[in-house]
Protein backbone atom coordinates (compact mmCIF):
# COMPACT_ATOMS: atom_id res chain seq x y z
CA MET A 1 125.29 114.93 118.62
CA LYS A 2 127.40 111.83 119.09
CA LYS A 3 129.97 110.87 116.49
CA LEU A 4 129.74 107.45 114.93
CA LEU A 5 132.92 105.71 113.92
CA LEU A 6 132.67 103.98 110.59
CA ILE A 7 135.22 101.42 109.47
CA THR A 8 135.61 101.26 105.73
CA ALA A 9 137.72 99.17 103.39
CA LEU A 10 139.91 102.24 102.85
CA GLY A 11 140.56 102.93 106.52
CA LEU A 12 138.81 104.96 109.17
CA SER A 13 136.39 107.76 108.52
CA PHE A 14 134.00 109.72 110.69
CA ALA A 15 130.32 110.35 110.18
CA PHE A 16 127.73 111.99 112.35
CA ALA A 17 124.51 110.51 113.62
CA GLY A 18 122.79 113.34 111.70
CA SER A 19 123.81 112.17 108.24
CA VAL A 20 121.59 110.65 105.57
CA ALA A 21 122.18 109.89 101.91
CA PRO A 22 121.78 113.03 99.77
CA ALA A 23 118.81 113.37 97.42
CA ASP A 24 120.65 112.66 94.18
CA ASN A 25 117.96 111.54 91.77
CA ALA A 26 117.80 113.83 88.71
CA GLN A 27 114.03 113.43 88.21
CA TYR A 28 113.35 114.19 91.88
CA GLN A 29 115.64 117.22 91.73
CA LYS A 30 113.92 118.51 88.58
CA GLU A 31 110.31 118.02 89.69
CA CYS A 32 110.45 118.44 93.47
CA ALA A 33 113.62 120.23 94.52
CA SER A 34 113.01 122.98 91.96
CA CYS A 35 110.15 124.26 94.16
CA HIS A 36 111.40 123.48 97.67
CA PHE A 37 114.32 121.95 99.51
CA GLY A 38 115.02 118.45 98.18
CA TYR A 39 114.28 116.48 101.32
CA GLN A 40 116.26 113.26 101.49
CA PRO A 41 114.15 110.12 101.08
CA ALA A 42 115.50 108.74 104.38
CA LEU A 43 113.67 111.49 106.27
CA LEU A 44 110.29 109.82 105.70
CA SER A 45 109.09 106.24 105.70
CA LYS A 46 107.90 104.35 102.64
CA ALA A 47 104.26 104.78 103.76
CA SER A 48 104.73 108.53 104.23
CA TRP A 49 106.28 108.98 100.78
CA GLU A 50 103.39 107.01 99.28
CA LYS A 51 100.98 109.46 100.96
CA VAL A 52 102.95 112.47 99.69
CA MET A 53 103.07 111.19 96.13
CA GLY A 54 99.48 109.95 96.22
CA ASN A 55 98.02 113.44 96.61
CA LEU A 56 100.14 115.79 94.51
CA SER A 57 97.08 117.73 93.36
CA ASP A 58 96.94 119.10 96.93
CA HIS A 59 100.61 119.12 97.92
CA PHE A 60 100.51 121.21 101.08
CA GLY A 61 98.11 123.66 99.43
CA THR A 62 99.73 123.62 95.99
CA ASP A 63 98.94 121.62 92.87
CA ALA A 64 102.17 119.75 92.19
CA SER A 65 100.64 117.22 89.82
CA LEU A 66 103.00 115.27 87.59
CA GLY A 67 102.57 112.98 84.65
CA LYS A 68 102.07 109.30 85.42
CA VAL A 69 105.58 108.29 84.30
CA GLU A 70 107.34 111.06 86.26
CA SER A 71 105.23 110.38 89.33
CA GLU A 72 105.98 106.63 89.22
CA GLN A 73 109.72 107.23 88.74
CA ILE A 74 109.94 109.62 91.66
CA LEU A 75 107.81 107.41 93.89
CA SER A 76 110.05 104.45 93.08
CA TYR A 77 113.14 106.47 94.00
CA LEU A 78 111.60 107.73 97.24
CA VAL A 79 110.30 104.40 98.52
CA SER A 80 113.50 102.59 97.50
CA ASN A 81 115.49 105.02 99.62
CA ALA A 82 112.95 105.69 102.36
CA GLY A 83 114.05 105.80 105.95
CA SER A 84 113.52 103.43 108.78
CA GLY A 85 114.59 103.44 112.38
CA LYS A 86 114.72 106.38 114.74
CA ILE A 87 114.33 109.14 112.15
CA THR A 88 111.01 107.87 110.81
CA ALA A 89 109.72 105.93 113.85
CA ASN A 90 106.17 106.77 114.88
CA ASN A 91 105.68 109.21 112.02
CA SER A 92 102.76 108.21 109.84
CA THR A 93 102.24 111.74 108.52
CA MET A 94 103.48 113.28 105.31
CA GLN A 95 105.47 115.89 107.20
CA ILE A 96 109.06 115.50 108.33
CA THR A 97 108.50 118.32 110.83
CA LYS A 98 105.75 116.31 112.57
CA SER A 99 107.95 113.30 113.32
CA PRO A 100 108.79 112.67 116.98
CA TYR A 101 112.50 112.57 116.06
CA PHE A 102 112.37 115.95 114.32
CA ILE A 103 110.40 117.50 117.17
CA LYS A 104 112.88 116.14 119.74
CA GLU A 105 115.87 117.48 117.80
CA HIS A 106 114.34 120.95 117.37
CA ARG A 107 112.55 121.39 120.72
CA LYS A 108 115.09 123.85 122.16
CA ILE A 109 115.07 126.26 119.24
CA PRO A 110 113.48 129.57 120.21
CA ALA A 111 110.57 130.65 117.99
CA LYS A 112 112.34 133.94 117.20
CA PHE A 113 115.01 132.03 115.25
CA ILE A 114 112.40 130.22 113.16
CA GLU A 115 110.05 133.16 112.60
CA GLN A 116 112.69 135.51 111.19
CA LYS A 117 112.43 136.17 107.45
CA GLU A 118 115.74 134.41 106.67
CA VAL A 119 114.33 131.13 108.02
CA ASN A 120 110.54 131.63 107.86
CA SER A 121 109.68 127.98 108.58
CA ILE A 122 110.98 125.04 110.57
CA ALA A 123 110.77 123.12 107.27
CA ASN A 124 113.43 125.35 105.68
CA CYS A 125 116.32 123.03 106.58
CA LEU A 126 118.96 124.76 104.48
CA ALA A 127 118.46 128.07 106.27
CA CYS A 128 120.33 126.76 109.33
CA HIS A 129 121.76 123.38 108.36
CA THR A 130 124.42 124.59 105.96
CA THR A 131 125.17 121.09 104.64
CA ALA A 132 121.61 119.76 104.58
CA ASP A 133 121.66 119.46 100.79
CA LYS A 134 124.47 116.93 101.20
CA GLY A 135 122.46 114.99 103.78
CA ASN A 136 124.59 116.22 106.68
CA TYR A 137 122.58 117.60 109.59
CA SER A 138 125.50 117.65 112.00
CA GLU A 139 125.30 120.19 114.81
CA ARG A 140 128.74 121.38 113.69
CA ALA A 141 127.22 122.62 110.44
CA ILE A 142 124.36 124.60 112.00
CA VAL A 143 124.54 128.37 111.55
CA ILE A 144 121.37 130.21 112.48
CA PRO A 145 120.86 133.43 110.49
CA ASN A 146 121.39 136.56 112.60
CA TYR A 147 122.58 134.43 115.52
CA GLY A 148 125.53 132.29 114.48
CA ARG A 149 126.66 128.76 115.27
CA TRP A 150 124.36 126.58 117.32
CA GLU A 151 125.98 125.97 120.71
């Protein structure tokens, strides 16, 4: 992945094209990230998050219903921080793993790496992206269980 040079008021710092803002909302962490990886809002578009939150009674086969207040608070957080641009382009689904960007970035990964019990699903970001919880999906931070660093 290419490095992006960011100029800040404090000097120079480096970021990677694979970085997004971490999911740092307490309500979202409590209600959503307690059951699965806390996907960063920037990984889906506003319309996709509205679809996800609009059908919590059938949330990928699970009833994840919330109270009206909690649901509205989380939806507000998600749509306020939703992604745009290349990460969410052409993805009108509720699934990050179905986006053209995600598919392009993961196309070379052999099925045996994904199917092993330590990973189990392409949606299990943290299994290989060791800094995914911080919003960093840099190739430098990829360690595939039972294989090692992604080269």
